[in-house]
Amino acid sequence: MDAAELSAIVSGATTVIGLIEKYGPEAWTTIVQAVEQTKSGTGPTAADIEAIYAKCKADNAAIQAS
């Protein structure tokens, strides 16, 4: 593993942690679902990405309302 790969991993981890801190633990579930979908050979469809985005918005709205 070179410095660029390590930097990308740290950057990704920092982004995920920031999202969890901002939106709560529900964000982790959403992130895991997105990663699982992208691991498939075909990747996520536009509809999958839109659904993930809608779920993030709904999670955020629920958190802000509480």
C-alpha atoms as a PDB file:
ATOM      1  CA  MET A   1       0.000   0.000   0.000  1.00  0.00           C
ATOM      2  CA  ASP A   2       1.414   3.362  -0.946  1.00  0.00           C
ATOM      3  CA  ALA A   3       0.859   6.821   0.533  1.00  0.00           C
ATOM      4  CA  ALA A   4      -1.917   7.700  -1.921  1.00  0.00           C
ATOM      5  CA  GLU A   5      -3.910   4.578  -1.030  1.00  0.00           C
ATOM      6  CA  LEU A   6      -3.494   5.217   2.694  1.00  0.00           C
ATOM      7  CA  SER A   7      -4.530   8.820   2.216  1.00  0.00           C
ATOM      8  CA  ALA A   8      -7.670   7.736   0.342  1.00  0.00           C
ATOM      9  CA  ILE A   9      -8.587   5.294   3.130  1.00  0.00           C
ATOM     10  CA  VAL A  10      -8.085   7.919   5.838  1.00  0.00           C
ATOM     11  CA  SER A  11     -10.062  10.463   3.835  1.00  0.00           C
ATOM     12  CA  GLY A  12     -12.936   8.009   3.345  1.00  0.00           C
ATOM     13  CA  ALA A  13     -12.940   7.046   7.012  1.00  0.00           C
ATOM     14  CA  THR A  14     -12.946  10.712   8.029  1.00  0.00           C
ATOM     15  CA  THR A  15     -15.920  11.391   5.762  1.00  0.00           C
ATOM     16  CA  VAL A  16     -17.871   8.432   7.156  1.00  0.00           C
ATOM     17  CA  ILE A  17     -17.159   9.448  10.750  1.00  0.00           C
ATOM     18  CA  GLY A  18     -18.214  13.006   9.981  1.00  0.00           C
ATOM     19  CA  LEU A  19     -21.505  11.812   8.511  1.00  0.00           C
ATOM     20  CA  ILE A  20     -22.178   9.614  11.532  1.00  0.00           C
ATOM     21  CA  GLU A  21     -21.413  12.486  13.904  1.00  0.00           C
ATOM     22  CA  LYS A  22     -23.673  14.839  11.934  1.00  0.00           C
ATOM     23  CA  TYR A  23     -26.593  12.517  11.171  1.00  0.00           C
ATOM     24  CA  GLY A  24     -26.382   9.893  13.905  1.00  0.00           C
ATOM     25  CA  PRO A  25     -25.881   6.142  13.853  1.00  0.00           C
ATOM     26  CA  GLU A  26     -28.589   5.697  11.227  1.00  0.00           C
ATOM     27  CA  ALA A  27     -26.118   7.129   8.718  1.00  0.00           C
ATOM     28  CA  TRP A  28     -23.875   4.094   9.256  1.00  0.00           C
ATOM     29  CA  THR A  29     -26.646   1.744   8.125  1.00  0.00           C
ATOM     30  CA  THR A  30     -27.220   3.841   5.016  1.00  0.00           C
ATOM     31  CA  ILE A  31     -23.488   3.938   4.217  1.00  0.00           C
ATOM     32  CA  VAL A  32     -23.150   0.172   4.657  1.00  0.00           C
ATOM     33  CA  GLN A  33     -26.097  -0.427   2.324  1.00  0.00           C
ATOM     34  CA  ALA A  34     -24.534   1.840  -0.303  1.00  0.00           C
ATOM     35  CA  VAL A  35     -21.183   0.049  -0.075  1.00  0.00           C
ATOM     36  CA  GLU A  36     -22.833  -3.373  -0.321  1.00  0.00           C
ATOM     37  CA  GLN A  37     -24.674  -2.288  -3.469  1.00  0.00           C
ATOM     38  CA  THR A  38     -21.516  -0.976  -5.109  1.00  0.00           C
ATOM     39  CA  LYS A  39     -19.652  -4.240  -4.452  1.00  0.00           C
ATOM     40  CA  SER A  40     -21.845  -6.036  -6.969  1.00  0.00           C
ATOM     41  CA  GLY A  41     -20.532  -6.467 -10.478  1.00  0.00           C
ATOM     42  CA  THR A  42     -23.111  -4.130 -11.933  1.00  0.00           C
ATOM     43  CA  GLY A  43     -22.972  -1.443  -9.251  1.00  0.00           C
ATOM     44  CA  PRO A  44     -25.914   0.645  -8.089  1.00  0.00           C
ATOM     45  CA  THR A  45     -28.490   1.934 -10.509  1.00  0.00           C
ATOM     46  CA  ALA A  46     -29.561   5.561 -10.645  1.00  0.00           C
ATOM     47  CA  ALA A  47     -32.710   4.512  -8.769  1.00  0.00           C
ATOM     48  CA  ASP A  48     -30.563   2.897  -6.032  1.00  0.00           C
ATOM     49  CA  ILE A  49     -28.568   6.102  -5.612  1.00  0.00           C
ATOM     50  CA  GLU A  50     -31.740   8.196  -5.531  1.00  0.00           C
ATOM     51  CA  ALA A  51     -33.210   5.871  -2.870  1.00  0.00           C
ATOM     52  CA  ILE A  52     -30.074   6.146  -0.732  1.00  0.00           C
ATOM     53  CA  TYR A  53     -30.155   9.932  -1.074  1.00  0.00           C
ATOM     54  CA  ALA A  54     -33.847  10.029  -0.129  1.00  0.00           C
ATOM     55  CA  LYS A  55     -33.157   7.834   2.915  1.00  0.00           C
ATOM     56  CA  CYS A  56     -30.336  10.153   4.020  1.00  0.00           C
ATOM     57  CA  LYS A  57     -32.671  13.140   3.716  1.00  0.00           C
ATOM     58  CA  ALA A  58     -35.412  11.335   5.651  1.00  0.00           C
ATOM     59  CA  ASP A  59     -32.966  10.252   8.367  1.00  0.00           C
ATOM     60  CA  ASN A  60     -31.747  13.835   8.671  1.00  0.00           C
ATOM     61  CA  ALA A  61     -35.291  15.217   8.854  1.00  0.00           C
ATOM     62  CA  ALA A  62     -36.165  12.714  11.595  1.00  0.00           C
ATOM     63  CA  ILE A  63     -33.037  13.603  13.553  1.00  0.00           C
ATOM     64  CA  GLN A  64     -33.670  17.353  13.209  1.00  0.00           C
ATOM     65  CA  ALA A  65     -37.296  16.914  14.326  1.00  0.00           C
ATOM     66  CA  SER A  66     -36.317  15.076  17.513  1.00  0.00           C
END
